[in-house]
Amino acid sequence: MDPELQLQLIRGVARGERPAFEELYQAAGPRLYGVAMQLMRSPERAEEALQEAFVKIWHNAGDYHQGRGSVMTWMSSIVRYRCIDLLRSKSAKEDRQDSLDEEGAPELIAPEQPEDPENQALERCMQTLDTHDLQYIHLAYYRGMTHAEIQAHTGTPLGTVKSWIRRGLQRLKRCLEE
């Protein structure tokens, strides 16, 4: 999709134009679904994340700033953040379930669900990262900060922020592929 067309469409979405939103969804949806599938590894969960991301895009299109990156990059980030939020909420739900189990309230608990192996693998791999990689990935993907915001927050040079995030993501990818 042409970046200029993306820009026109996101501006239309910011003005509340449904046809612009529909065209943006039709054009970008398949690519963004691919982003969601890489993280969620389940068609149903990827569709859920994509749907929630597009709701967020609809409501926050006015927040897009051309100087921070392309429309597709901005939308991809929203999809990634929604995926991570969904993975975390599932993990938090499982933690609450475990907490209830430990407190001895079996009558209030649904039958135990099997642990999500993908979530376990991600947690295991996150624990292998060094402190800097983990900190910067957490700020970028769990707190939703841009690289520039991380730089301002930590005082670390922008190039270093980008390098640590990229290196951490590469290590996560290698670990998850093992």
C-alpha atoms as a PDB file:
ATOM      1  CA  MET A   1       0.000   0.000   0.000  1.00  0.00           C
ATOM      2  CA  ASP A   2       1.289   3.411  -0.970  1.00  0.00           C
ATOM      3  CA  PRO A   3       2.498   5.407   2.076  1.00  0.00           C
ATOM      4  CA  GLU A   4       0.817   8.562   0.767  1.00  0.00           C
ATOM      5  CA  LEU A   5      -2.504   6.728   0.495  1.00  0.00           C
ATOM      6  CA  GLN A   6      -2.002   5.353   4.011  1.00  0.00           C
ATOM      7  CA  LEU A   7      -1.478   8.900   5.261  1.00  0.00           C
ATOM      8  CA  GLN A   8      -4.629  10.142   3.513  1.00  0.00           C
ATOM      9  CA  LEU A   9      -6.642   7.253   4.917  1.00  0.00           C
ATOM     10  CA  ILE A  10      -5.428   7.664   8.504  1.00  0.00           C
ATOM     11  CA  ARG A  11      -6.269  11.369   8.309  1.00  0.00           C
ATOM     12  CA  GLY A  12      -9.735  10.413   7.093  1.00  0.00           C
ATOM     13  CA  VAL A  13     -10.077   7.951   9.955  1.00  0.00           C
ATOM     14  CA  ALA A  14      -9.024  10.712  12.372  1.00  0.00           C
ATOM     15  CA  ARG A  15     -11.946  12.777  11.006  1.00  0.00           C
ATOM     16  CA  GLY A  16     -14.286   9.849  11.644  1.00  0.00           C
ATOM     17  CA  GLU A  17     -14.753   8.841   8.002  1.00  0.00           C
ATOM     18  CA  ARG A  18     -15.977   5.240   7.921  1.00  0.00           C
ATOM     19  CA  PRO A  19     -15.142   4.703   4.217  1.00  0.00           C
ATOM     20  CA  ALA A  20     -11.512   5.655   4.929  1.00  0.00           C
ATOM     21  CA  PHE A  21     -11.464   3.236   7.855  1.00  0.00           C
ATOM     22  CA  GLU A  22     -12.942   0.443   5.742  1.00  0.00           C
ATOM     23  CA  GLU A  23     -10.399   1.025   2.975  1.00  0.00           C
ATOM     24  CA  LEU A  24      -7.550   1.116   5.493  1.00  0.00           C
ATOM     25  CA  TYR A  25      -8.795  -2.132   7.030  1.00  0.00           C
ATOM     26  CA  GLN A  26      -9.089  -3.843   3.641  1.00  0.00           C
ATOM     27  CA  ALA A  27      -5.622  -2.696   2.571  1.00  0.00           C
ATOM     28  CA  ALA A  28      -3.678  -3.179   5.811  1.00  0.00           C
ATOM     29  CA  GLY A  29      -5.681  -5.928   7.527  1.00  0.00           C
ATOM     30  CA  PRO A  30      -3.959  -8.936   5.929  1.00  0.00           C
ATOM     31  CA  ARG A  31      -0.470  -7.653   6.723  1.00  0.00           C
ATOM     32  CA  LEU A  32      -1.430  -6.728  10.280  1.00  0.00           C
ATOM     33  CA  TYR A  33      -3.081 -10.126  10.719  1.00  0.00           C
ATOM     34  CA  GLY A  34       0.322 -11.626   9.863  1.00  0.00           C
ATOM     35  CA  VAL A  35       1.909  -9.543  12.633  1.00  0.00           C
ATOM     36  CA  ALA A  36      -0.727 -10.803  15.077  1.00  0.00           C
ATOM     37  CA  MET A  37      -0.295 -14.422  13.974  1.00  0.00           C
ATOM     38  CA  GLN A  38       3.458 -14.284  14.611  1.00  0.00           C
ATOM     39  CA  LEU A  39       2.817 -13.376  18.232  1.00  0.00           C
ATOM     40  CA  MET A  40      -0.446 -15.156  18.999  1.00  0.00           C
ATOM     41  CA  ARG A  41       0.133 -18.344  16.954  1.00  0.00           C
ATOM     42  CA  SER A  42      -3.610 -18.990  16.917  1.00  0.00           C
ATOM     43  CA  PRO A  43      -5.990 -17.726  14.216  1.00  0.00           C
ATOM     44  CA  GLU A  44      -8.753 -17.002  16.741  1.00  0.00           C
ATOM     45  CA  ARG A  45      -6.477 -15.102  19.106  1.00  0.00           C
ATOM     46  CA  ALA A  46      -4.825 -13.249  16.217  1.00  0.00           C
ATOM     47  CA  GLU A  47      -8.255 -12.172  14.939  1.00  0.00           C
ATOM     48  CA  GLU A  48      -9.224 -11.009  18.429  1.00  0.00           C
ATOM     49  CA  ALA A  49      -6.032  -8.961  18.745  1.00  0.00           C
ATOM     50  CA  LEU A  50      -6.470  -7.509  15.251  1.00  0.00           C
ATOM     51  CA  GLN A  51     -10.071  -6.529  15.935  1.00  0.00           C
ATOM     52  CA  GLU A  52      -9.133  -4.810  19.192  1.00  0.00           C
ATOM     53  CA  ALA A  53      -6.196  -3.094  17.482  1.00  0.00           C
ATOM     54  CA  PHE A  54      -8.439  -1.686  14.746  1.00  0.00           C
ATOM     55  CA  VAL A  55     -10.846  -0.364  17.377  1.00  0.00           C
ATOM     56  CA  LYS A  56      -7.879   1.388  18.961  1.00  0.00           C
ATOM     57  CA  ILE A  57      -6.747   2.685  15.547  1.00  0.00           C
ATOM     58  CA  TRP A  58     -10.260   4.077  14.961  1.00  0.00           C
ATOM     59  CA  HIS A  59     -10.267   5.876  18.322  1.00  0.00           C
ATOM     60  CA  ASN A  60      -6.645   7.056  18.217  1.00  0.00           C
ATOM     61  CA  ALA A  61      -6.049   7.897  14.556  1.00  0.00           C
ATOM     62  CA  GLY A  62      -5.702  11.558  15.512  1.00  0.00           C
ATOM     63  CA  ASP A  63      -2.681  10.653  17.647  1.00  0.00           C
ATOM     64  CA  TYR A  64      -0.681   9.478  14.632  1.00  0.00           C
ATOM     65  CA  HIS A  65       2.300  11.775  13.903  1.00  0.00           C
ATOM     66  CA  GLN A  66       3.983  11.469  10.535  1.00  0.00           C
ATOM     67  CA  GLY A  67       7.400  12.368  11.955  1.00  0.00           C
ATOM     68  CA  ARG A  68       7.467   9.268  14.179  1.00  0.00           C
ATOM     69  CA  GLY A  69       7.232   6.748  11.356  1.00  0.00           C
ATOM     70  CA  SER A  70       4.957   5.409   8.677  1.00  0.00           C
ATOM     71  CA  VAL A  71       1.267   4.694   9.173  1.00  0.00           C
ATOM     72  CA  MET A  72       1.940   0.972   8.744  1.00  0.00           C
ATOM     73  CA  THR A  73       4.648   1.046  11.420  1.00  0.00           C
ATOM     74  CA  TRP A  74       2.285   2.865  13.783  1.00  0.00           C
ATOM     75  CA  MET A  75      -0.529   0.383  13.154  1.00  0.00           C
ATOM     76  CA  SER A  76       1.858  -2.595  13.472  1.00  0.00           C
ATOM     77  CA  SER A  77       2.922  -1.289  16.874  1.00  0.00           C
ATOM     78  CA  ILE A  78      -0.683  -1.069  18.000  1.00  0.00           C
ATOM     79  CA  VAL A  79      -1.267  -4.660  16.881  1.00  0.00           C
ATOM     80  CA  ARG A  80       1.877  -5.860  18.700  1.00  0.00           C
ATOM     81  CA  TYR A  81       0.866  -4.048  21.894  1.00  0.00           C
ATOM     82  CA  ARG A  82      -2.636  -5.550  21.778  1.00  0.00           C
ATOM     83  CA  CYS A  83      -1.143  -9.022  21.289  1.00  0.00           C
ATOM     84  CA  ILE A  84       1.196  -8.543  24.214  1.00  0.00           C
ATOM     85  CA  ASP A  85      -1.644  -7.198  26.362  1.00  0.00           C
ATOM     86  CA  LEU A  86      -3.784 -10.217  25.503  1.00  0.00           C
ATOM     87  CA  LEU A  87      -0.924 -12.602  26.259  1.00  0.00           C
ATOM     88  CA  ARG A  88      -0.261 -10.824  29.546  1.00  0.00           C
ATOM     89  CA  SER A  89      -3.924 -10.788  30.551  1.00  0.00           C
ATOM     90  CA  LYS A  90      -4.112 -14.526  29.908  1.00  0.00           C
ATOM     91  CA  SER A  91      -0.985 -14.986  32.017  1.00  0.00           C
ATOM     92  CA  ALA A  92      -2.412 -12.770  34.784  1.00  0.00           C
ATOM     93  CA  LYS A  93      -5.659 -14.748  34.732  1.00  0.00           C
ATOM     94  CA  GLU A  94      -3.663 -17.953  35.137  1.00  0.00           C
ATOM     95  CA  ASP A  95      -1.699 -16.358  38.009  1.00  0.00           C
ATOM     96  CA  ARG A  96      -4.968 -15.411  39.755  1.00  0.00           C
ATOM     97  CA  GLN A  97      -6.174 -18.966  39.219  1.00  0.00           C
ATOM     98  CA  ASP A  98      -2.967 -20.317  40.789  1.00  0.00           C
ATOM     99  CA  SER A  99      -3.364 -17.920  43.714  1.00  0.00           C
ATOM    100  CA  LEU A 100      -6.885 -19.181  44.373  1.00  0.00           C
ATOM    101  CA  ASP A 101      -5.636 -22.756  44.181  1.00  0.00           C
ATOM    102  CA  GLU A 102      -3.030 -22.002  46.836  1.00  0.00           C
ATOM    103  CA  GLU A 103      -5.639 -20.366  49.094  1.00  0.00           C
ATOM    104  CA  GLY A 104      -7.707 -23.529  49.099  1.00  0.00           C
ATOM    105  CA  ALA A 105     -10.921 -22.384  47.395  1.00  0.00           C
ATOM    106  CA  PRO A 106     -11.456 -25.276  44.984  1.00  0.00           C
ATOM    107  CA  GLU A 107     -15.246 -24.838  44.869  1.00  0.00           C
ATOM    108  CA  LEU A 108     -14.826 -21.378  43.310  1.00  0.00           C
ATOM    109  CA  ILE A 109     -12.397 -22.506  40.638  1.00  0.00           C
ATOM    110  CA  ALA A 110     -13.180 -23.759  37.179  1.00  0.00           C
ATOM    111  CA  PRO A 111     -11.417 -26.949  36.062  1.00  0.00           C
ATOM    112  CA  GLU A 112      -7.732 -26.277  35.599  1.00  0.00           C
ATOM    113  CA  GLN A 113      -6.771 -25.175  32.103  1.00  0.00           C
ATOM    114  CA  PRO A 114      -3.555 -26.479  30.567  1.00  0.00           C
ATOM    115  CA  GLU A 115      -0.737 -23.961  30.594  1.00  0.00           C
ATOM    116  CA  ASP A 116      -0.225 -22.111  27.323  1.00  0.00           C
ATOM    117  CA  PRO A 117       3.094 -23.493  26.014  1.00  0.00           C
ATOM    118  CA  GLU A 118       3.714 -20.378  23.910  1.00  0.00           C
ATOM    119  CA  ASN A 119       3.324 -18.114  26.917  1.00  0.00           C
ATOM    120  CA  GLN A 120       5.580 -20.369  28.978  1.00  0.00           C
ATOM    121  CA  ALA A 121       8.193 -20.322  26.224  1.00  0.00           C
ATOM    122  CA  LEU A 122       8.059 -16.530  26.035  1.00  0.00           C
ATOM    123  CA  GLU A 123       8.440 -16.203  29.812  1.00  0.00           C
ATOM    124  CA  ARG A 124      11.339 -18.691  29.815  1.00  0.00           C
ATOM    125  CA  CYS A 125      13.086 -16.815  27.014  1.00  0.00           C
ATOM    126  CA  MET A 126      12.499 -13.419  28.650  1.00  0.00           C
ATOM    127  CA  GLN A 127      14.376 -14.709  31.694  1.00  0.00           C
ATOM    128  CA  THR A 128      17.443 -15.417  29.538  1.00  0.00           C
ATOM    129  CA  LEU A 129      17.824 -11.779  28.451  1.00  0.00           C
ATOM    130  CA  ASP A 130      20.381  -9.542  30.064  1.00  0.00           C
ATOM    131  CA  THR A 131      19.160  -6.636  32.188  1.00  0.00           C
ATOM    132  CA  HIS A 132      19.409  -3.927  29.509  1.00  0.00           C
ATOM    133  CA  ASP A 133      17.672  -5.959  26.809  1.00  0.00           C
ATOM    134  CA  LEU A 134      14.888  -6.953  29.188  1.00  0.00           C
ATOM    135  CA  GLN A 135      14.413  -3.409  30.502  1.00  0.00           C
ATOM    136  CA  TYR A 136      14.204  -1.827  27.064  1.00  0.00           C
ATOM    137  CA  ILE A 137      11.925  -4.529  25.622  1.00  0.00           C
ATOM    138  CA  HIS A 138       9.676  -4.099  28.650  1.00  0.00           C
ATOM    139  CA  LEU A 139       9.498  -0.333  28.134  1.00  0.00           C
ATOM    140  CA  ALA A 140       8.834  -0.679  24.400  1.00  0.00           C
ATOM    141  CA  TYR A 141       6.417  -3.597  24.301  1.00  0.00           C
ATOM    142  CA  TYR A 142       4.822  -3.796  27.728  1.00  0.00           C
ATOM    143  CA  ARG A 143       4.603  -0.076  28.499  1.00  0.00           C
ATOM    144  CA  GLY A 144       4.151   0.981  24.859  1.00  0.00           C
ATOM    145  CA  MET A 145       6.896   3.609  24.810  1.00  0.00           C
ATOM    146  CA  THR A 146       8.493   4.757  21.567  1.00  0.00           C
ATOM    147  CA  HIS A 147      12.258   4.612  21.168  1.00  0.00           C
ATOM    148  CA  ALA A 148      12.416   8.395  21.660  1.00  0.00           C
ATOM    149  CA  GLU A 149      10.344   8.147  24.852  1.00  0.00           C
ATOM    150  CA  ILE A 150      12.640   5.414  26.156  1.00  0.00           C
ATOM    151  CA  GLN A 151      15.643   7.601  25.381  1.00  0.00           C
ATOM    152  CA  ALA A 152      14.104  10.507  27.303  1.00  0.00           C
ATOM    153  CA  HIS A 153      13.032   8.243  30.172  1.00  0.00           C
ATOM    154  CA  THR A 154      16.401   6.519  30.617  1.00  0.00           C
ATOM    155  CA  GLY A 155      18.865   9.078  29.281  1.00  0.00           C
ATOM    156  CA  THR A 156      20.362   6.405  27.023  1.00  0.00           C
ATOM    157  CA  PRO A 157      21.398   7.462  23.489  1.00  0.00           C
ATOM    158  CA  LEU A 158      18.721   6.665  20.897  1.00  0.00           C
ATOM    159  CA  GLY A 159      21.016   4.390  18.873  1.00  0.00           C
ATOM    160  CA  THR A 160      21.798   2.364  21.982  1.00  0.00           C
ATOM    161  CA  VAL A 161      18.095   2.044  22.828  1.00  0.00           C
ATOM    162  CA  LYS A 162      17.393   0.737  19.322  1.00  0.00           C
ATOM    163  CA  SER A 163      20.360  -1.643  19.445  1.00  0.00           C
ATOM    164  CA  TRP A 164      19.411  -3.143  22.804  1.00  0.00           C
ATOM    165  CA  ILE A 165      15.807  -3.638  21.733  1.00  0.00           C
ATOM    166  CA  ARG A 166      16.832  -5.185  18.416  1.00  0.00           C
ATOM    167  CA  ARG A 167      19.410  -7.437  20.085  1.00  0.00           C
ATOM    168  CA  GLY A 168      16.904  -8.513  22.729  1.00  0.00           C
ATOM    169  CA  LEU A 169      14.262  -9.307  20.116  1.00  0.00           C
ATOM    170  CA  GLN A 170      16.793 -11.311  18.114  1.00  0.00           C
ATOM    171  CA  ARG A 171      17.707 -13.293  21.228  1.00  0.00           C
ATOM    172  CA  LEU A 172      14.038 -13.887  22.001  1.00  0.00           C
ATOM    173  CA  LYS A 173      13.433 -15.084  18.461  1.00  0.00           C
ATOM    174  CA  ARG A 174      16.391 -17.494  18.587  1.00  0.00           C
ATOM    175  CA  CYS A 175      15.305 -18.785  21.976  1.00  0.00           C
ATOM    176  CA  LEU A 176      11.699 -19.304  20.848  1.00  0.00           C
ATOM    177  CA  GLU A 177      12.850 -21.153  17.731  1.00  0.00           C
ATOM    178  CA  GLU A 178      14.852 -23.660  19.812  1.00  0.00           C
END
